């Protein structure tokens, strides 16, 4: 092992997102309050290594919703470099998800609508130039997950 590798390795810290496991599981998702926003997958924060540098910790919050493993590598790099435009896009993405969750909860609880009806209503009012959108089938599946989570939460009360 070269001196450079030894020094670089020593500067790495355990990834606070996956807690060094290299994989974000349901426990991590609950701990970081990202239910309905993430699914279990290899960790995008450490790229599945379990280690991060101090630099990323200073530039990107551990619970930054938009940084997921399914993003293009170039987009992930921009996030990790602290690119303000990309970070703002991520903040807008999180707002989109928050508003979509509220929308579904409202129509399901107050209007007694099912996932199919909510998806139809949402798609009929969605702006064609929206920054974020979901294909019909993915939207319906996501709405079903939201409804199921709310059902579980209400049964626990």
C-alpha atoms as a PDB file:
ATOM      1  CA  UNK A   1       0.000   0.000   0.000  1.00  0.00           C
ATOM      2  CA  UNK A   2       1.457   3.376  -0.979  1.00  0.00           C
ATOM      3  CA  UNK A   3       1.769   6.274   1.434  1.00  0.00           C
ATOM      4  CA  UNK A   4      -0.888   8.162  -0.568  1.00  0.00           C
ATOM      5  CA  UNK A   5      -3.366   5.282  -0.266  1.00  0.00           C
ATOM      6  CA  UNK A   6      -2.671   4.952   3.442  1.00  0.00           C
ATOM      7  CA  UNK A   7      -3.221   8.668   4.044  1.00  0.00           C
ATOM      8  CA  UNK A   8      -6.328   8.745   1.855  1.00  0.00           C
ATOM      9  CA  UNK A   9      -7.784   5.706   3.567  1.00  0.00           C
ATOM     10  CA  UNK A  10      -7.211   7.189   7.006  1.00  0.00           C
ATOM     11  CA  UNK A  11      -9.086  10.318   5.993  1.00  0.00           C
ATOM     12  CA  UNK A  12     -12.187   8.279   5.162  1.00  0.00           C
ATOM     13  CA  UNK A  13     -14.944   8.136   7.739  1.00  0.00           C
ATOM     14  CA  UNK A  14     -17.755   5.674   8.201  1.00  0.00           C
ATOM     15  CA  UNK A  15     -20.665   6.710   6.020  1.00  0.00           C
ATOM     16  CA  UNK A  16     -23.359   8.206   8.254  1.00  0.00           C
ATOM     17  CA  UNK A  17     -26.122   7.375   5.768  1.00  0.00           C
ATOM     18  CA  UNK A  18     -25.622   3.600   5.591  1.00  0.00           C
ATOM     19  CA  UNK A  19     -23.541   3.426   8.800  1.00  0.00           C
ATOM     20  CA  UNK A  20     -20.713   1.740   6.929  1.00  0.00           C
ATOM     21  CA  UNK A  21     -22.849  -1.124   5.524  1.00  0.00           C
ATOM     22  CA  UNK A  22     -22.596   0.184   1.932  1.00  0.00           C
ATOM     23  CA  UNK A  23     -26.359  -0.399   1.614  1.00  0.00           C
ATOM     24  CA  UNK A  24     -29.255   1.760   2.816  1.00  0.00           C
ATOM     25  CA  UNK A  25     -31.831  -0.512   4.430  1.00  0.00           C
ATOM     26  CA  UNK A  26     -35.275   0.119   5.929  1.00  0.00           C
ATOM     27  CA  UNK A  27     -33.740   0.898   9.318  1.00  0.00           C
ATOM     28  CA  UNK A  28     -31.614   3.649   7.751  1.00  0.00           C
ATOM     29  CA  UNK A  29     -34.617   4.950   5.828  1.00  0.00           C
ATOM     30  CA  UNK A  30     -36.654   5.208   9.044  1.00  0.00           C
ATOM     31  CA  UNK A  31     -33.731   6.722  10.986  1.00  0.00           C
ATOM     32  CA  UNK A  32     -33.270   9.419   8.318  1.00  0.00           C
ATOM     33  CA  UNK A  33     -37.041   9.957   7.926  1.00  0.00           C
ATOM     34  CA  UNK A  34     -37.095   9.068   4.221  1.00  0.00           C
ATOM     35  CA  UNK A  35     -40.015   6.632   4.136  1.00  0.00           C
ATOM     36  CA  UNK A  36     -41.884   7.152   0.828  1.00  0.00           C
ATOM     37  CA  UNK A  37     -38.816   8.938  -0.543  1.00  0.00           C
ATOM     38  CA  UNK A  38     -36.199   6.166  -0.646  1.00  0.00           C
ATOM     39  CA  UNK A  39     -36.181   2.408  -1.041  1.00  0.00           C
ATOM     40  CA  UNK A  40     -33.459   0.000   0.094  1.00  0.00           C
ATOM     41  CA  UNK A  41     -30.524   0.188  -2.304  1.00  0.00           C
ATOM     42  CA  UNK A  42     -26.762   0.563  -2.453  1.00  0.00           C
ATOM     43  CA  UNK A  43     -25.761   3.768  -0.682  1.00  0.00           C
ATOM     44  CA  UNK A  44     -25.413   6.750  -3.021  1.00  0.00           C
ATOM     45  CA  UNK A  45     -23.714   8.878  -0.361  1.00  0.00           C
ATOM     46  CA  UNK A  46     -20.638   6.618  -0.234  1.00  0.00           C
ATOM     47  CA  UNK A  47     -21.231   4.864  -3.595  1.00  0.00           C
ATOM     48  CA  UNK A  48     -21.497   1.550  -1.804  1.00  0.00           C
ATOM     49  CA  UNK A  49     -18.081   1.704  -0.122  1.00  0.00           C
ATOM     50  CA  UNK A  50     -19.243   2.384   3.434  1.00  0.00           C
ATOM     51  CA  UNK A  51     -16.716   5.253   3.660  1.00  0.00           C
ATOM     52  CA  UNK A  52     -16.947   9.004   2.992  1.00  0.00           C
ATOM     53  CA  UNK A  53     -14.604  11.957   3.170  1.00  0.00           C
ATOM     54  CA  UNK A  54     -14.999  15.025   5.355  1.00  0.00           C
ATOM     55  CA  UNK A  55     -15.515  16.996   2.152  1.00  0.00           C
ATOM     56  CA  UNK A  56     -18.837  15.373   1.263  1.00  0.00           C
ATOM     57  CA  UNK A  57     -20.018  15.747   4.853  1.00  0.00           C
ATOM     58  CA  UNK A  58     -19.432  19.493   4.573  1.00  0.00           C
ATOM     59  CA  UNK A  59     -21.150  19.827   1.184  1.00  0.00           C
ATOM     60  CA  UNK A  60     -24.144  17.469   1.240  1.00  0.00           C
ATOM     61  CA  UNK A  61     -26.494  16.674   4.142  1.00  0.00           C
ATOM     62  CA  UNK A  62     -26.622  12.960   4.936  1.00  0.00           C
ATOM     63  CA  UNK A  63     -30.399  12.933   4.511  1.00  0.00           C
ATOM     64  CA  UNK A  64     -30.385  14.838   1.213  1.00  0.00           C
ATOM     65  CA  UNK A  65     -33.346  13.166  -0.500  1.00  0.00           C
ATOM     66  CA  UNK A  66     -32.342  13.666  -4.131  1.00  0.00           C
ATOM     67  CA  UNK A  67     -28.993  11.838  -3.852  1.00  0.00           C
ATOM     68  CA  UNK A  68     -30.004   8.291  -4.726  1.00  0.00           C
ATOM     69  CA  UNK A  69     -28.210   5.514  -6.549  1.00  0.00           C
ATOM     70  CA  UNK A  70     -30.541   5.690  -9.556  1.00  0.00           C
ATOM     71  CA  UNK A  71     -29.320   9.156 -10.591  1.00  0.00           C
ATOM     72  CA  UNK A  72     -26.887   9.484 -13.485  1.00  0.00           C
ATOM     73  CA  UNK A  73     -23.291   9.553 -12.261  1.00  0.00           C
ATOM     74  CA  UNK A  74     -22.797  13.102 -13.570  1.00  0.00           C
ATOM     75  CA  UNK A  75     -25.759  14.322 -11.497  1.00  0.00           C
ATOM     76  CA  UNK A  76     -24.425  12.560  -8.394  1.00  0.00           C
ATOM     77  CA  UNK A  77     -21.018  14.190  -8.949  1.00  0.00           C
ATOM     78  CA  UNK A  78     -22.597  17.641  -9.185  1.00  0.00           C
ATOM     79  CA  UNK A  79     -24.399  17.061  -5.895  1.00  0.00           C
ATOM     80  CA  UNK A  80     -21.230  15.880  -4.173  1.00  0.00           C
ATOM     81  CA  UNK A  81     -19.312  18.865  -5.557  1.00  0.00           C
ATOM     82  CA  UNK A  82     -21.903  21.168  -4.000  1.00  0.00           C
ATOM     83  CA  UNK A  83     -23.210  22.529  -7.320  1.00  0.00           C
ATOM     84  CA  UNK A  84     -25.869  25.025  -6.210  1.00  0.00           C
ATOM     85  CA  UNK A  85     -28.116  24.565  -9.238  1.00  0.00           C
ATOM     86  CA  UNK A  86     -28.208  20.799  -8.744  1.00  0.00           C
ATOM     87  CA  UNK A  87     -28.701  21.126  -4.982  1.00  0.00           C
ATOM     88  CA  UNK A  88     -31.640  23.462  -5.626  1.00  0.00           C
ATOM     89  CA  UNK A  89     -33.101  20.943  -8.073  1.00  0.00           C
ATOM     90  CA  UNK A  90     -32.888  18.402  -5.246  1.00  0.00           C
ATOM     91  CA  UNK A  91     -34.680  20.721  -2.820  1.00  0.00           C
ATOM     92  CA  UNK A  92     -37.438  21.195  -5.395  1.00  0.00           C
ATOM     93  CA  UNK A  93     -37.619  17.414  -5.862  1.00  0.00           C
ATOM     94  CA  UNK A  94     -38.154  16.945  -2.128  1.00  0.00           C
ATOM     95  CA  UNK A  95     -40.885  19.607  -2.122  1.00  0.00           C
ATOM     96  CA  UNK A  96     -42.506  17.809  -5.059  1.00  0.00           C
ATOM     97  CA  UNK A  97     -42.556  14.544  -3.093  1.00  0.00           C
ATOM     98  CA  UNK A  98     -43.855  16.245   0.064  1.00  0.00           C
ATOM     99  CA  UNK A  99     -46.670  17.931  -1.859  1.00  0.00           C
ATOM    100  CA  UNK A 100     -47.553  14.741  -3.728  1.00  0.00           C
ATOM    101  CA  UNK A 101     -47.786  12.832  -0.428  1.00  0.00           C
ATOM    102  CA  UNK A 102     -50.064  15.536   1.037  1.00  0.00           C
ATOM    103  CA  UNK A 103     -52.157  15.535  -2.139  1.00  0.00           C
ATOM    104  CA  UNK A 104     -52.672  11.777  -1.944  1.00  0.00           C
ATOM    105  CA  UNK A 105     -53.426  11.835   1.792  1.00  0.00           C
ATOM    106  CA  UNK A 106     -55.959  14.617   1.338  1.00  0.00           C
ATOM    107  CA  UNK A 107     -57.832  12.952  -1.521  1.00  0.00           C
ATOM    108  CA  UNK A 108     -57.746   9.516   0.064  1.00  0.00           C
ATOM    109  CA  UNK A 109     -58.815  10.573   3.568  1.00  0.00           C
ATOM    110  CA  UNK A 110     -61.152  13.485   2.813  1.00  0.00           C
ATOM    111  CA  UNK A 111     -62.597  12.406  -0.536  1.00  0.00           C
ATOM    112  CA  UNK A 112     -62.384   8.623  -0.035  1.00  0.00           C
ATOM    113  CA  UNK A 113     -60.618   8.238  -3.393  1.00  0.00           C
ATOM    114  CA  UNK A 114     -58.662   5.136  -4.354  1.00  0.00           C
ATOM    115  CA  UNK A 115     -55.211   5.090  -5.961  1.00  0.00           C
ATOM    116  CA  UNK A 116     -56.543   4.880  -9.528  1.00  0.00           C
ATOM    117  CA  UNK A 117     -58.860   7.867  -9.050  1.00  0.00           C
ATOM    118  CA  UNK A 118     -56.163   9.957  -7.387  1.00  0.00           C
ATOM    119  CA  UNK A 119     -53.711   9.137 -10.188  1.00  0.00           C
ATOM    120  CA  UNK A 120     -56.299  10.118 -12.824  1.00  0.00           C
ATOM    121  CA  UNK A 121     -57.050  13.405 -11.067  1.00  0.00           C
ATOM    122  CA  UNK A 122     -53.387  14.212 -10.560  1.00  0.00           C
ATOM    123  CA  UNK A 123     -52.436  13.482 -14.154  1.00  0.00           C
ATOM    124  CA  UNK A 124     -55.360  15.525 -15.463  1.00  0.00           C
ATOM    125  CA  UNK A 125     -54.064  18.594 -13.603  1.00  0.00           C
ATOM    126  CA  UNK A 126     -50.304  18.086 -13.929  1.00  0.00           C
ATOM    127  CA  UNK A 127     -48.406  20.755 -15.834  1.00  0.00           C
ATOM    128  CA  UNK A 128     -46.922  19.327 -19.030  1.00  0.00           C
ATOM    129  CA  UNK A 129     -43.680  21.214 -18.323  1.00  0.00           C
ATOM    130  CA  UNK A 130     -43.382  20.034 -14.722  1.00  0.00           C
ATOM    131  CA  UNK A 131     -39.788  19.609 -13.553  1.00  0.00           C
ATOM    132  CA  UNK A 132     -40.650  16.280 -11.922  1.00  0.00           C
ATOM    133  CA  UNK A 133     -43.337  13.856 -12.956  1.00  0.00           C
ATOM    134  CA  UNK A 134     -44.137  10.173 -12.781  1.00  0.00           C
ATOM    135  CA  UNK A 135     -45.382   7.807 -15.431  1.00  0.00           C
ATOM    136  CA  UNK A 136     -48.944   6.659 -14.836  1.00  0.00           C
ATOM    137  CA  UNK A 137     -48.174   3.156 -13.571  1.00  0.00           C
ATOM    138  CA  UNK A 138     -45.338   4.332 -11.309  1.00  0.00           C
ATOM    139  CA  UNK A 139     -47.550   7.112  -9.990  1.00  0.00           C
ATOM    140  CA  UNK A 140     -50.329   4.639  -9.180  1.00  0.00           C
ATOM    141  CA  UNK A 141     -47.871   2.319  -7.385  1.00  0.00           C
ATOM    142  CA  UNK A 142     -46.475   5.241  -5.405  1.00  0.00           C
ATOM    143  CA  UNK A 143     -49.979   6.366  -4.430  1.00  0.00           C
ATOM    144  CA  UNK A 144     -50.785   2.822  -3.297  1.00  0.00           C
ATOM    145  CA  UNK A 145     -47.681   2.872  -1.072  1.00  0.00           C
ATOM    146  CA  UNK A 146     -48.730   6.181   0.462  1.00  0.00           C
ATOM    147  CA  UNK A 147     -52.247   4.865   1.151  1.00  0.00           C
ATOM    148  CA  UNK A 148     -50.896   1.642   2.647  1.00  0.00           C
ATOM    149  CA  UNK A 149     -48.503   3.524   4.938  1.00  0.00           C
ATOM    150  CA  UNK A 150     -51.311   5.791   6.124  1.00  0.00           C
ATOM    151  CA  UNK A 151     -53.493   2.734   6.756  1.00  0.00           C
ATOM    152  CA  UNK A 152     -50.757   1.155   8.881  1.00  0.00           C
ATOM    153  CA  UNK A 153     -50.209   4.419  10.773  1.00  0.00           C
ATOM    154  CA  UNK A 154     -53.916   4.821  11.511  1.00  0.00           C
ATOM    155  CA  UNK A 155     -54.169   1.203  12.754  1.00  0.00           C
ATOM    156  CA  UNK A 156     -51.304   1.824  15.182  1.00  0.00           C
ATOM    157  CA  UNK A 157     -53.095   4.753  16.839  1.00  0.00           C
END
